[in-house]
Each structure stands twice: as structure tokens, then as C-alpha cells.
Amino acid sequence: MSENRYRDAGEALADKIRLVEDFPTNGVLFEDLTPVLADADAFQIVVDELAAACQRQGADLIGGLDARGFLLGSAVAYKLGLGILAIRKKGKLPPPVHSQEYALEYGTAALEIPADGTELAGKQVVLVDDVLATGGTLVAARNLIEKCGGEVAGNVVVLEVDGLGGRERLAGSPLVVINEPAAQE
């Protein structure tokens, strides 16, 4: 393998994120990670930093949130020699499942994991996702893991959308945002 052209994930993200104005609604600046994932150097350094953060939090298992958290979490789990728990949106898994509902701005949603075949009791799970916005999905995932006997050792994300209260909703649970100068844990 050749040397990575990026010093750190922040540099790779600044170079590769595609900014889309007024998506999904007017006034929102969407940060599209697709070009980051498609660039080998950018993807590698982002995964390396996510993996280092997960390792510091004592992960036994990585929980990847549907859907971009699957991509990132799988790469992190592979790098660390751990398993990946795919935390799915409702209706994507065959029964039986464990389910956790959570509130959206206009309604509710739910996350699910298989009820059979995956033992979570006593496991330290680190949740991996692309973006922390309101925190609702990560809180629901934490509740789901705890309901199944596991413990969420931390949350690791690539980006954070300021002003939506996600960090506050995760208070008391370690959080690493790799695209901030001084990642907080």
C-alpha cells in the first residue's frame, strides 16, 4: 500500500465532502460523504480514525446504524477484528426481532436487531454512524442494545450537525466526532 495523501480525516473530509445546498429542504446544507467513501485514501483515513476511537472506548462489538453506519461500521469492525451488529430500520429483518421505537419530527420510527443468533449480554458495543443530528437514532440504538443486555460503551460519528441537540441527548455517553479539532470523549 502506498502512503496516504491525507494527514488526518479532517483534511480528507474537507477535500472530499460534497456540499449540497437546500437538500433535503430549503435552508439545509447537506454534507454528502459519498465522495469520501469512494476515494481510497479518504475512506482509509476516516476508517482508521473511527477504529482508533472505537478501540479507545473498549469495543467488543461494533453497532452499525442503518444505512451509512453499516458501511463505516463494517470497515471499522474488520480493522479491529470484531463483529458488526447491523442495527436496521423497522421491517428489514425477518422475525423474531427486538425493536425500539423513537420519535421523529413528524411521527415515529423504529430500529430492530435479530432476537435470535446474536448474544449481546455483557457486550461492550460502540455505535458507529455517519452523522449526529438530533441524536434520536443513536439514543434509540442505545436503548435497544441495553434492552438486550448489552452496554453502549460509546458513540463514534464522522460529522455533527450543530444546533440540533444531538450532543445533549447523548449526555452521559461517550461521544467522538472525528471531524472536530478536539474530539470529545
N, C-alpha and C. Protein backbone atom coordinates (compact mmCIF):
# COMPACT_ATOMS: atom_id res chain seq x y z
N MET A 1 0.83 -1.19 0.00
CA MET A 1 0.00 0.00 0.00
C MET A 1 0.88 1.25 0.00
N SER A 2 0.45 2.24 -0.72
CA SER A 2 1.20 3.50 -0.75
C SER A 2 0.79 4.37 0.44
N GLU A 3 1.58 5.39 0.67
CA GLU A 3 1.31 6.30 1.78
C GLU A 3 0.06 7.13 1.49
N ASN A 4 -0.74 7.35 2.52
CA ASN A 4 -1.97 8.11 2.38
C ASN A 4 -1.65 9.58 2.13
N ARG A 5 -2.33 10.20 1.19
CA ARG A 5 -2.06 11.60 0.87
C ARG A 5 -2.68 12.57 1.87
N TYR A 6 -3.49 12.08 2.78
CA TYR A 6 -4.12 12.93 3.79
C TYR A 6 -3.43 12.76 5.14
N ARG A 7 -3.26 13.86 5.87
CA ARG A 7 -2.67 13.83 7.21
C ARG A 7 -3.65 13.25 8.23
N ASP A 8 -4.93 13.60 8.06
CA ASP A 8 -5.94 13.15 9.02
C ASP A 8 -7.31 13.18 8.34
N ALA A 9 -8.29 12.68 9.06
CA ALA A 9 -9.65 12.60 8.50
C ALA A 9 -10.22 13.98 8.22
N GLY A 10 -9.92 14.95 9.07
CA GLY A 10 -10.42 16.30 8.85
C GLY A 10 -10.01 16.85 7.50
N GLU A 11 -8.75 16.62 7.13
CA GLU A 11 -8.26 17.09 5.83
C GLU A 11 -8.96 16.35 4.69
N ALA A 12 -9.12 15.04 4.83
CA ALA A 12 -9.79 14.25 3.80
C ALA A 12 -11.24 14.69 3.63
N LEU A 13 -11.92 14.90 4.76
CA LEU A 13 -13.31 15.32 4.70
C LEU A 13 -13.45 16.70 4.07
N ALA A 14 -12.57 17.62 4.43
CA ALA A 14 -12.62 18.97 3.85
C ALA A 14 -12.41 18.92 2.34
N ASP A 15 -11.57 17.99 1.89
CA ASP A 15 -11.28 17.88 0.47
C ASP A 15 -12.38 17.17 -0.31
N LYS A 16 -13.01 16.18 0.29
CA LYS A 16 -13.89 15.28 -0.47
C LYS A 16 -15.39 15.43 -0.22
N ILE A 17 -15.82 16.01 0.90
CA ILE A 17 -17.26 16.13 1.13
C ILE A 17 -17.88 17.01 0.06
N ARG A 18 -18.99 16.55 -0.46
CA ARG A 18 -19.75 17.33 -1.45
C ARG A 18 -20.84 18.08 -0.69
N LEU A 19 -20.83 19.39 -0.80
CA LEU A 19 -21.82 20.22 -0.12
C LEU A 19 -22.98 20.51 -1.07
N VAL A 20 -24.20 20.21 -0.60
CA VAL A 20 -25.39 20.38 -1.43
C VAL A 20 -26.34 21.32 -0.69
N GLU A 21 -26.54 22.51 -1.25
CA GLU A 21 -27.43 23.49 -0.62
C GLU A 21 -28.89 23.10 -0.83
N ASP A 22 -29.70 23.45 0.18
CA ASP A 22 -31.15 23.26 0.13
C ASP A 22 -31.58 21.81 -0.08
N PHE A 23 -30.85 20.89 0.54
CA PHE A 23 -31.23 19.48 0.50
C PHE A 23 -31.15 18.90 1.89
N PRO A 24 -32.13 18.19 2.38
CA PRO A 24 -33.35 17.75 1.70
C PRO A 24 -34.45 18.82 1.67
N THR A 25 -34.27 19.92 2.39
CA THR A 25 -35.23 21.03 2.34
C THR A 25 -34.48 22.34 2.25
N ASN A 26 -35.21 23.40 1.92
CA ASN A 26 -34.61 24.72 1.83
C ASN A 26 -33.94 25.11 3.14
N GLY A 27 -32.78 25.74 3.01
CA GLY A 27 -32.06 26.22 4.18
C GLY A 27 -31.10 25.22 4.80
N VAL A 28 -31.10 23.98 4.31
CA VAL A 28 -30.21 22.94 4.84
C VAL A 28 -29.02 22.77 3.90
N LEU A 29 -27.82 22.73 4.48
CA LEU A 29 -26.62 22.43 3.73
C LEU A 29 -26.26 20.97 4.01
N PHE A 30 -26.48 20.10 3.03
CA PHE A 30 -26.25 18.66 3.17
C PHE A 30 -24.79 18.36 2.89
N GLU A 31 -24.16 17.60 3.78
CA GLU A 31 -22.78 17.20 3.62
C GLU A 31 -22.76 15.74 3.15
N ASP A 32 -22.53 15.54 1.86
CA ASP A 32 -22.58 14.22 1.24
C ASP A 32 -21.23 13.53 1.39
N LEU A 33 -21.22 12.39 2.10
CA LEU A 33 -19.99 11.63 2.31
C LEU A 33 -19.68 10.67 1.17
N THR A 34 -20.54 10.56 0.18
CA THR A 34 -20.32 9.60 -0.90
C THR A 34 -18.94 9.75 -1.55
N PRO A 35 -18.49 10.97 -1.88
CA PRO A 35 -17.15 11.09 -2.47
C PRO A 35 -16.03 10.66 -1.51
N VAL A 36 -16.24 10.81 -0.21
CA VAL A 36 -15.25 10.36 0.78
C VAL A 36 -15.15 8.85 0.74
N LEU A 37 -16.29 8.18 0.71
CA LEU A 37 -16.32 6.72 0.70
C LEU A 37 -15.74 6.15 -0.59
N ALA A 38 -15.86 6.89 -1.68
CA ALA A 38 -15.39 6.41 -2.98
C ALA A 38 -13.90 6.64 -3.21
N ASP A 39 -13.26 7.46 -2.39
CA ASP A 39 -11.83 7.75 -2.53
C ASP A 39 -11.06 6.86 -1.55
N ALA A 40 -10.17 6.04 -2.06
CA ALA A 40 -9.47 5.05 -1.21
C ALA A 40 -8.72 5.70 -0.05
N ASP A 41 -7.97 6.78 -0.31
CA ASP A 41 -7.20 7.42 0.76
C ASP A 41 -8.12 8.06 1.80
N ALA A 42 -9.14 8.76 1.34
CA ALA A 42 -10.07 9.43 2.27
C ALA A 42 -10.82 8.39 3.10
N PHE A 43 -11.32 7.36 2.46
CA PHE A 43 -12.04 6.30 3.16
C PHE A 43 -11.14 5.64 4.20
N GLN A 44 -9.92 5.33 3.81
CA GLN A 44 -8.99 4.65 4.71
C GLN A 44 -8.70 5.48 5.95
N ILE A 45 -8.44 6.76 5.80
CA ILE A 45 -8.07 7.57 6.97
C ILE A 45 -9.28 7.81 7.86
N VAL A 46 -10.47 7.93 7.27
CA VAL A 46 -11.68 8.07 8.08
C VAL A 46 -11.91 6.79 8.88
N VAL A 47 -11.79 5.64 8.24
CA VAL A 47 -11.97 4.36 8.93
C VAL A 47 -10.91 4.19 10.01
N ASP A 48 -9.67 4.55 9.72
CA ASP A 48 -8.59 4.43 10.71
C ASP A 48 -8.91 5.25 11.97
N GLU A 49 -9.40 6.47 11.79
CA GLU A 49 -9.71 7.32 12.94
C GLU A 49 -10.96 6.83 13.68
N LEU A 50 -11.96 6.35 12.95
CA LEU A 50 -13.13 5.76 13.60
C LEU A 50 -12.72 4.54 14.42
N ALA A 51 -11.87 3.70 13.84
CA ALA A 51 -11.42 2.47 14.53
C ALA A 51 -10.63 2.81 15.79
N ALA A 52 -9.76 3.80 15.71
CA ALA A 52 -8.98 4.19 16.89
C ALA A 52 -9.90 4.67 18.00
N ALA A 53 -10.92 5.43 17.65
CA ALA A 53 -11.88 5.92 18.65
C ALA A 53 -12.66 4.76 19.26
N CYS A 54 -13.08 3.81 18.44
CA CYS A 54 -13.82 2.64 18.95
C CYS A 54 -12.95 1.80 19.87
N GLN A 55 -11.70 1.64 19.50
CA GLN A 55 -10.78 0.85 20.32
C GLN A 55 -10.56 1.51 21.68
N ARG A 56 -10.43 2.84 21.70
CA ARG A 56 -10.24 3.57 22.97
C ARG A 56 -11.45 3.40 23.88
N GLN A 57 -12.62 3.17 23.31
CA GLN A 57 -13.83 3.03 24.12
C GLN A 57 -14.08 1.58 24.54
N GLY A 58 -13.17 0.68 24.20
CA GLY A 58 -13.27 -0.69 24.69
C GLY A 58 -14.32 -1.54 24.01
N ALA A 59 -14.45 -1.41 22.71
CA ALA A 59 -15.48 -2.14 21.96
C ALA A 59 -15.23 -3.65 21.95
N ASP A 60 -16.28 -4.43 22.23
CA ASP A 60 -16.31 -5.87 21.98
C ASP A 60 -17.01 -6.15 20.66
N LEU A 61 -17.85 -5.21 20.25
CA LEU A 61 -18.70 -5.36 19.08
C LEU A 61 -19.00 -3.97 18.55
N ILE A 62 -19.06 -3.84 17.24
CA ILE A 62 -19.42 -2.56 16.62
C ILE A 62 -20.89 -2.63 16.21
N GLY A 63 -21.64 -1.59 16.55
CA GLY A 63 -23.03 -1.46 16.12
C GLY A 63 -23.11 -0.44 15.00
N GLY A 64 -23.42 -0.89 13.79
CA GLY A 64 -23.54 0.00 12.63
C GLY A 64 -24.99 0.34 12.39
N LEU A 65 -25.29 1.65 12.33
CA LEU A 65 -26.68 2.09 12.16
C LEU A 65 -27.03 2.21 10.69
N ASP A 66 -28.22 1.73 10.36
CA ASP A 66 -28.77 1.74 9.01
C ASP A 66 -28.78 3.17 8.47
N ALA A 67 -28.17 3.45 7.37
CA ALA A 67 -27.50 2.59 6.41
C ALA A 67 -26.02 2.94 6.28
N ARG A 68 -25.64 4.21 6.33
CA ARG A 68 -24.22 4.54 6.16
C ARG A 68 -23.37 4.04 7.31
N GLY A 69 -23.98 3.87 8.48
CA GLY A 69 -23.26 3.27 9.61
C GLY A 69 -22.87 1.83 9.34
N PHE A 70 -23.59 1.15 8.42
CA PHE A 70 -23.20 -0.21 8.02
C PHE A 70 -21.86 -0.17 7.29
N LEU A 71 -21.75 0.77 6.34
CA LEU A 71 -20.52 0.87 5.54
C LEU A 71 -19.33 1.17 6.43
N LEU A 72 -19.47 2.19 7.25
CA LEU A 72 -18.37 2.61 8.11
C LEU A 72 -18.11 1.60 9.21
N GLY A 73 -19.16 1.15 9.87
CA GLY A 73 -19.02 0.22 10.97
C GLY A 73 -18.42 -1.11 10.54
N SER A 74 -18.79 -1.59 9.36
CA SER A 74 -18.23 -2.85 8.87
C SER A 74 -16.72 -2.73 8.65
N ALA A 75 -16.29 -1.64 8.07
CA ALA A 75 -14.86 -1.44 7.84
C ALA A 75 -14.12 -1.32 9.18
N VAL A 76 -14.71 -0.63 10.14
CA VAL A 76 -14.10 -0.49 11.47
C VAL A 76 -14.00 -1.85 12.15
N ALA A 77 -15.09 -2.62 12.12
CA ALA A 77 -15.10 -3.94 12.75
C ALA A 77 -14.03 -4.84 12.13
N TYR A 78 -13.93 -4.82 10.83
CA TYR A 78 -12.92 -5.62 10.14
C TYR A 78 -11.51 -5.22 10.58
N LYS A 79 -11.26 -3.92 10.62
CA LYS A 79 -9.94 -3.41 11.01
C LYS A 79 -9.59 -3.83 12.44
N LEU A 80 -10.58 -3.86 13.32
CA LEU A 80 -10.34 -4.19 14.73
C LEU A 80 -10.47 -5.68 15.04
N GLY A 81 -10.86 -6.47 14.05
CA GLY A 81 -11.05 -7.90 14.28
C GLY A 81 -12.27 -8.19 15.14
N LEU A 82 -13.31 -7.37 14.99
CA LEU A 82 -14.54 -7.51 15.77
C LEU A 82 -15.71 -7.84 14.85
N GLY A 83 -16.82 -8.21 15.46
CA GLY A 83 -18.04 -8.41 14.70
C GLY A 83 -18.79 -7.09 14.52
N ILE A 84 -19.73 -7.12 13.58
CA ILE A 84 -20.58 -5.95 13.32
C ILE A 84 -22.03 -6.34 13.55
N LEU A 85 -22.73 -5.54 14.33
CA LEU A 85 -24.15 -5.72 14.54
C LEU A 85 -24.87 -4.68 13.68
N ALA A 86 -25.61 -5.16 12.68
CA ALA A 86 -26.36 -4.26 11.81
C ALA A 86 -27.66 -3.90 12.51
N ILE A 87 -27.79 -2.64 12.87
CA ILE A 87 -28.99 -2.13 13.53
C ILE A 87 -29.87 -1.55 12.44
N ARG A 88 -30.96 -2.27 12.14
CA ARG A 88 -31.77 -2.00 10.95
C ARG A 88 -32.98 -1.14 11.23
N LYS A 89 -33.47 -0.50 10.19
CA LYS A 89 -34.76 0.18 10.25
C LYS A 89 -35.86 -0.88 10.28
N LYS A 90 -36.98 -0.52 10.87
CA LYS A 90 -38.09 -1.44 11.05
C LYS A 90 -38.52 -2.07 9.73
N GLY A 91 -38.79 -3.38 9.80
CA GLY A 91 -39.32 -4.10 8.65
C GLY A 91 -38.28 -4.68 7.71
N LYS A 92 -36.99 -4.53 8.00
CA LYS A 92 -35.94 -5.02 7.12
C LYS A 92 -35.42 -6.40 7.52
N LEU A 93 -35.78 -6.86 8.72
CA LEU A 93 -35.31 -8.15 9.22
C LEU A 93 -36.49 -9.11 9.37
N PRO A 94 -36.24 -10.41 9.15
CA PRO A 94 -37.31 -11.39 9.42
C PRO A 94 -37.48 -11.56 10.93
N PRO A 95 -38.69 -11.90 11.37
CA PRO A 95 -38.90 -12.11 12.79
C PRO A 95 -38.21 -13.39 13.26
N PRO A 96 -37.98 -13.49 14.54
CA PRO A 96 -38.29 -12.53 15.61
C PRO A 96 -37.20 -11.47 15.71
N VAL A 97 -37.61 -10.28 16.14
CA VAL A 97 -36.68 -9.16 16.30
C VAL A 97 -36.93 -8.47 17.64
N HIS A 98 -35.90 -7.79 18.11
CA HIS A 98 -36.05 -6.83 19.20
C HIS A 98 -36.22 -5.48 18.52
N SER A 99 -37.15 -4.67 19.03
CA SER A 99 -37.47 -3.40 18.38
C SER A 99 -37.47 -2.27 19.38
N GLN A 100 -37.10 -1.07 18.91
CA GLN A 100 -37.12 0.12 19.75
C GLN A 100 -37.66 1.28 18.92
N GLU A 101 -38.81 1.81 19.35
CA GLU A 101 -39.38 2.98 18.66
C GLU A 101 -38.74 4.25 19.17
N TYR A 102 -38.75 5.28 18.33
CA TYR A 102 -38.27 6.60 18.72
C TYR A 102 -39.02 7.66 17.94
N ALA A 103 -39.03 8.85 18.50
CA ALA A 103 -39.80 9.95 17.92
C ALA A 103 -39.02 10.64 16.81
N LEU A 104 -39.74 10.96 15.76
CA LEU A 104 -39.23 11.80 14.68
C LEU A 104 -39.96 13.14 14.77
N GLU A 105 -39.54 14.08 13.95
CA GLU A 105 -40.21 15.39 13.97
C GLU A 105 -41.70 15.24 13.68
N TYR A 106 -42.05 14.36 12.73
CA TYR A 106 -43.46 14.16 12.37
C TYR A 106 -43.79 12.68 12.41
N GLY A 107 -43.85 12.10 13.58
CA GLY A 107 -44.20 10.69 13.69
C GLY A 107 -43.16 9.90 14.47
N THR A 108 -43.13 8.60 14.19
CA THR A 108 -42.20 7.71 14.88
C THR A 108 -41.51 6.80 13.88
N ALA A 109 -40.41 6.22 14.33
CA ALA A 109 -39.69 5.21 13.55
C ALA A 109 -39.25 4.15 14.55
N ALA A 110 -38.63 3.10 14.04
CA ALA A 110 -38.14 2.05 14.94
C ALA A 110 -36.87 1.45 14.37
N LEU A 111 -36.04 0.97 15.27
CA LEU A 111 -34.83 0.22 14.93
C LEU A 111 -35.02 -1.21 15.40
N GLU A 112 -34.37 -2.15 14.70
CA GLU A 112 -34.51 -3.56 15.05
C GLU A 112 -33.18 -4.28 14.93
N ILE A 113 -33.06 -5.32 15.75
CA ILE A 113 -31.96 -6.28 15.63
C ILE A 113 -32.56 -7.68 15.78
N PRO A 114 -31.88 -8.69 15.26
CA PRO A 114 -32.42 -10.05 15.39
C PRO A 114 -32.55 -10.46 16.85
N ALA A 115 -33.62 -11.17 17.18
CA ALA A 115 -33.82 -11.67 18.54
C ALA A 115 -33.07 -12.98 18.74
N ASP A 116 -32.72 -13.65 17.67
CA ASP A 116 -32.01 -14.92 17.75
C ASP A 116 -30.65 -14.81 17.07
N GLY A 117 -29.67 -15.56 17.58
CA GLY A 117 -28.39 -15.70 16.90
C GLY A 117 -27.33 -14.69 17.27
N THR A 118 -27.67 -13.67 18.03
CA THR A 118 -26.68 -12.67 18.43
C THR A 118 -26.84 -12.42 19.92
N GLU A 119 -25.85 -12.81 20.69
CA GLU A 119 -25.89 -12.64 22.14
C GLU A 119 -25.23 -11.31 22.51
N LEU A 120 -26.00 -10.41 23.10
CA LEU A 120 -25.47 -9.10 23.47
C LEU A 120 -25.18 -8.96 24.96
N ALA A 121 -25.67 -9.89 25.77
CA ALA A 121 -25.49 -9.78 27.22
C ALA A 121 -24.02 -9.63 27.57
N GLY A 122 -23.71 -8.56 28.30
CA GLY A 122 -22.36 -8.30 28.75
C GLY A 122 -21.42 -7.71 27.72
N LYS A 123 -21.88 -7.52 26.50
CA LYS A 123 -21.02 -6.97 25.43
C LYS A 123 -20.94 -5.45 25.53
N GLN A 124 -19.73 -4.94 25.26
CA GLN A 124 -19.49 -3.50 25.14
C GLN A 124 -19.61 -3.14 23.67
N VAL A 125 -20.68 -2.44 23.32
CA VAL A 125 -20.96 -2.10 21.93
C VAL A 125 -20.65 -0.62 21.70
N VAL A 126 -19.88 -0.34 20.67
CA VAL A 126 -19.67 1.04 20.26
C VAL A 126 -20.48 1.27 19.00
N LEU A 127 -21.34 2.29 19.04
CA LEU A 127 -22.22 2.62 17.91
C LEU A 127 -21.47 3.52 16.94
N VAL A 128 -21.57 3.19 15.65
CA VAL A 128 -20.90 3.95 14.60
C VAL A 128 -21.95 4.42 13.61
N ASP A 129 -21.89 5.71 13.29
CA ASP A 129 -22.79 6.27 12.28
C ASP A 129 -22.06 7.39 11.55
N ASP A 130 -22.67 7.87 10.48
CA ASP A 130 -22.04 8.93 9.70
C ASP A 130 -22.24 10.30 10.33
N VAL A 131 -23.47 10.61 10.76
CA VAL A 131 -23.78 11.97 11.22
C VAL A 131 -24.57 11.93 12.52
N LEU A 132 -24.22 12.80 13.44
CA LEU A 132 -25.03 13.06 14.64
C LEU A 132 -25.82 14.33 14.37
N ALA A 133 -27.14 14.21 14.34
CA ALA A 133 -28.00 15.38 14.16
C ALA A 133 -28.79 15.59 15.45
N THR A 134 -30.01 15.07 15.53
CA THR A 134 -30.81 15.24 16.75
C THR A 134 -30.45 14.22 17.83
N GLY A 135 -29.76 13.16 17.44
CA GLY A 135 -29.38 12.11 18.40
C GLY A 135 -30.44 11.04 18.59
N GLY A 136 -31.59 11.19 17.97
CA GLY A 136 -32.68 10.24 18.18
C GLY A 136 -32.34 8.81 17.80
N THR A 137 -31.65 8.63 16.68
CA THR A 137 -31.31 7.29 16.23
C THR A 137 -30.29 6.64 17.17
N LEU A 138 -29.28 7.39 17.58
CA LEU A 138 -28.27 6.83 18.48
C LEU A 138 -28.87 6.51 19.86
N VAL A 139 -29.76 7.36 20.35
CA VAL A 139 -30.41 7.09 21.63
C VAL A 139 -31.28 5.83 21.53
N ALA A 140 -32.03 5.70 20.43
CA ALA A 140 -32.87 4.51 20.23
C ALA A 140 -31.99 3.26 20.14
N ALA A 141 -30.87 3.35 19.44
CA ALA A 141 -29.97 2.21 19.33
C ALA A 141 -29.41 1.83 20.70
N ARG A 142 -29.04 2.83 21.50
CA ARG A 142 -28.55 2.56 22.86
C ARG A 142 -29.63 1.85 23.67
N ASN A 143 -30.86 2.35 23.62
CA ASN A 143 -31.95 1.72 24.37
C ASN A 143 -32.17 0.27 23.92
N LEU A 144 -32.08 0.04 22.63
CA LEU A 144 -32.26 -1.30 22.08
C LEU A 144 -31.15 -2.24 22.58
N ILE A 145 -29.92 -1.80 22.52
CA ILE A 145 -28.78 -2.62 22.99
C ILE A 145 -28.94 -2.92 24.47
N GLU A 146 -29.30 -1.92 25.26
CA GLU A 146 -29.45 -2.12 26.71
C GLU A 146 -30.61 -3.07 27.02
N LYS A 147 -31.69 -2.96 26.25
CA LYS A 147 -32.83 -3.85 26.43
C LYS A 147 -32.43 -5.31 26.21
N CYS A 148 -31.41 -5.52 25.39
CA CYS A 148 -30.93 -6.87 25.07
C CYS A 148 -29.76 -7.31 25.95
N GLY A 149 -29.44 -6.51 26.97
CA GLY A 149 -28.41 -6.90 27.92
C GLY A 149 -27.01 -6.41 27.63
N GLY A 150 -26.85 -5.68 26.54
CA GLY A 150 -25.54 -5.11 26.21
C GLY A 150 -25.38 -3.74 26.81
N GLU A 151 -24.19 -3.19 26.68
CA GLU A 151 -23.92 -1.83 27.15
C GLU A 151 -23.28 -1.05 26.02
N VAL A 152 -23.75 0.18 25.81
CA VAL A 152 -23.14 1.04 24.80
C VAL A 152 -21.96 1.73 25.46
N ALA A 153 -20.76 1.36 24.99
CA ALA A 153 -19.53 1.92 25.54
C ALA A 153 -19.24 3.30 24.98
N GLY A 154 -19.85 3.64 23.84
CA GLY A 154 -19.64 4.95 23.25
C GLY A 154 -20.29 5.08 21.90
N ASN A 155 -20.22 6.29 21.37
CA ASN A 155 -20.77 6.64 20.07
C ASN A 155 -19.66 7.30 19.28
N VAL A 156 -19.48 6.87 18.04
CA VAL A 156 -18.44 7.42 17.19
C VAL A 156 -19.09 7.78 15.85
N VAL A 157 -18.97 9.05 15.47
CA VAL A 157 -19.56 9.52 14.22
C VAL A 157 -18.53 10.34 13.44
N VAL A 158 -18.79 10.51 12.17
CA VAL A 158 -17.90 11.29 11.31
C VAL A 158 -18.18 12.78 11.46
N LEU A 159 -19.44 13.16 11.38
CA LEU A 159 -19.83 14.58 11.38
C LEU A 159 -20.90 14.84 12.43
N GLU A 160 -20.99 16.10 12.84
CA GLU A 160 -22.06 16.53 13.74
C GLU A 160 -22.71 17.78 13.16
N VAL A 161 -24.04 17.78 13.15
CA VAL A 161 -24.79 18.95 12.73
C VAL A 161 -25.06 19.78 13.99
N ASP A 162 -24.45 20.95 14.07
CA ASP A 162 -24.62 21.81 15.24
C ASP A 162 -26.04 22.34 15.35
N GLY A 163 -26.46 22.59 16.58
CA GLY A 163 -27.72 23.27 16.83
C GLY A 163 -28.95 22.39 16.84
N LEU A 164 -28.79 21.07 16.69
CA LEU A 164 -29.97 20.18 16.68
C LEU A 164 -30.11 19.39 17.97
N GLY A 165 -29.19 19.58 18.92
CA GLY A 165 -29.32 18.99 20.24
C GLY A 165 -28.85 17.56 20.38
N GLY A 166 -28.23 16.99 19.37
CA GLY A 166 -27.79 15.60 19.44
C GLY A 166 -26.80 15.34 20.55
N ARG A 167 -25.82 16.19 20.68
CA ARG A 167 -24.79 16.01 21.72
C ARG A 167 -25.43 16.03 23.11
N GLU A 168 -26.39 16.91 23.31
CA GLU A 168 -27.08 17.00 24.60
C GLU A 168 -27.89 15.74 24.89
N ARG A 169 -28.53 15.19 23.86
CA ARG A 169 -29.33 13.96 24.06
C ARG A 169 -28.45 12.76 24.40
N LEU A 170 -27.19 12.81 24.01
CA LEU A 170 -26.27 11.72 24.30
C LEU A 170 -25.48 11.95 25.58
N ALA A 171 -25.80 13.00 26.32
CA ALA A 171 -25.07 13.33 27.54
C ALA A 171 -24.95 12.09 28.43
N GLY A 172 -23.77 11.93 28.98
CA GLY A 172 -23.52 10.78 29.83
C GLY A 172 -23.01 9.57 29.06
N SER A 173 -23.00 9.63 27.76
CA SER A 173 -22.49 8.55 26.92
C SER A 173 -21.32 9.10 26.10
N PRO A 174 -20.17 8.45 26.13
CA PRO A 174 -19.02 8.97 25.39
C PRO A 174 -19.33 9.20 23.91
N LEU A 175 -18.83 10.31 23.40
CA LEU A 175 -19.05 10.69 22.01
C LEU A 175 -17.74 11.15 21.40
N VAL A 176 -17.43 10.60 20.22
CA VAL A 176 -16.31 11.07 19.43
C VAL A 176 -16.85 11.46 18.06
N VAL A 177 -16.57 12.71 17.67
CA VAL A 177 -16.88 13.20 16.33
C VAL A 177 -15.53 13.39 15.67
N ILE A 178 -15.21 12.59 14.66
CA ILE A 178 -13.85 12.66 14.14
C ILE A 178 -13.57 13.91 13.33
N ASN A 179 -14.61 14.63 12.91
CA ASN A 179 -14.37 15.86 12.15
C ASN A 179 -14.47 17.09 13.02
N GLU A 180 -13.95 17.01 14.22
CA GLU A 180 -13.82 18.21 15.05
C GLU A 180 -12.40 18.24 15.60
N PRO A 181 -11.83 19.44 15.71
CA PRO A 181 -10.43 19.55 16.08
C PRO A 181 -10.04 18.83 17.36
N ALA A 182 -10.84 18.95 18.40
CA ALA A 182 -10.53 18.28 19.66
C ALA A 182 -11.67 17.33 19.98
N ALA A 183 -11.61 16.11 19.45
CA ALA A 183 -12.68 15.13 19.66
C ALA A 183 -12.93 14.94 21.15
N GLN A 184 -14.21 15.04 21.53
CA GLN A 184 -14.58 14.91 22.94
C GLN A 184 -14.95 13.48 23.25
N GLU A 185 -14.48 12.99 24.37
CA GLU A 185 -14.85 11.64 24.81
C GLU A 185 -15.33 11.70 26.23
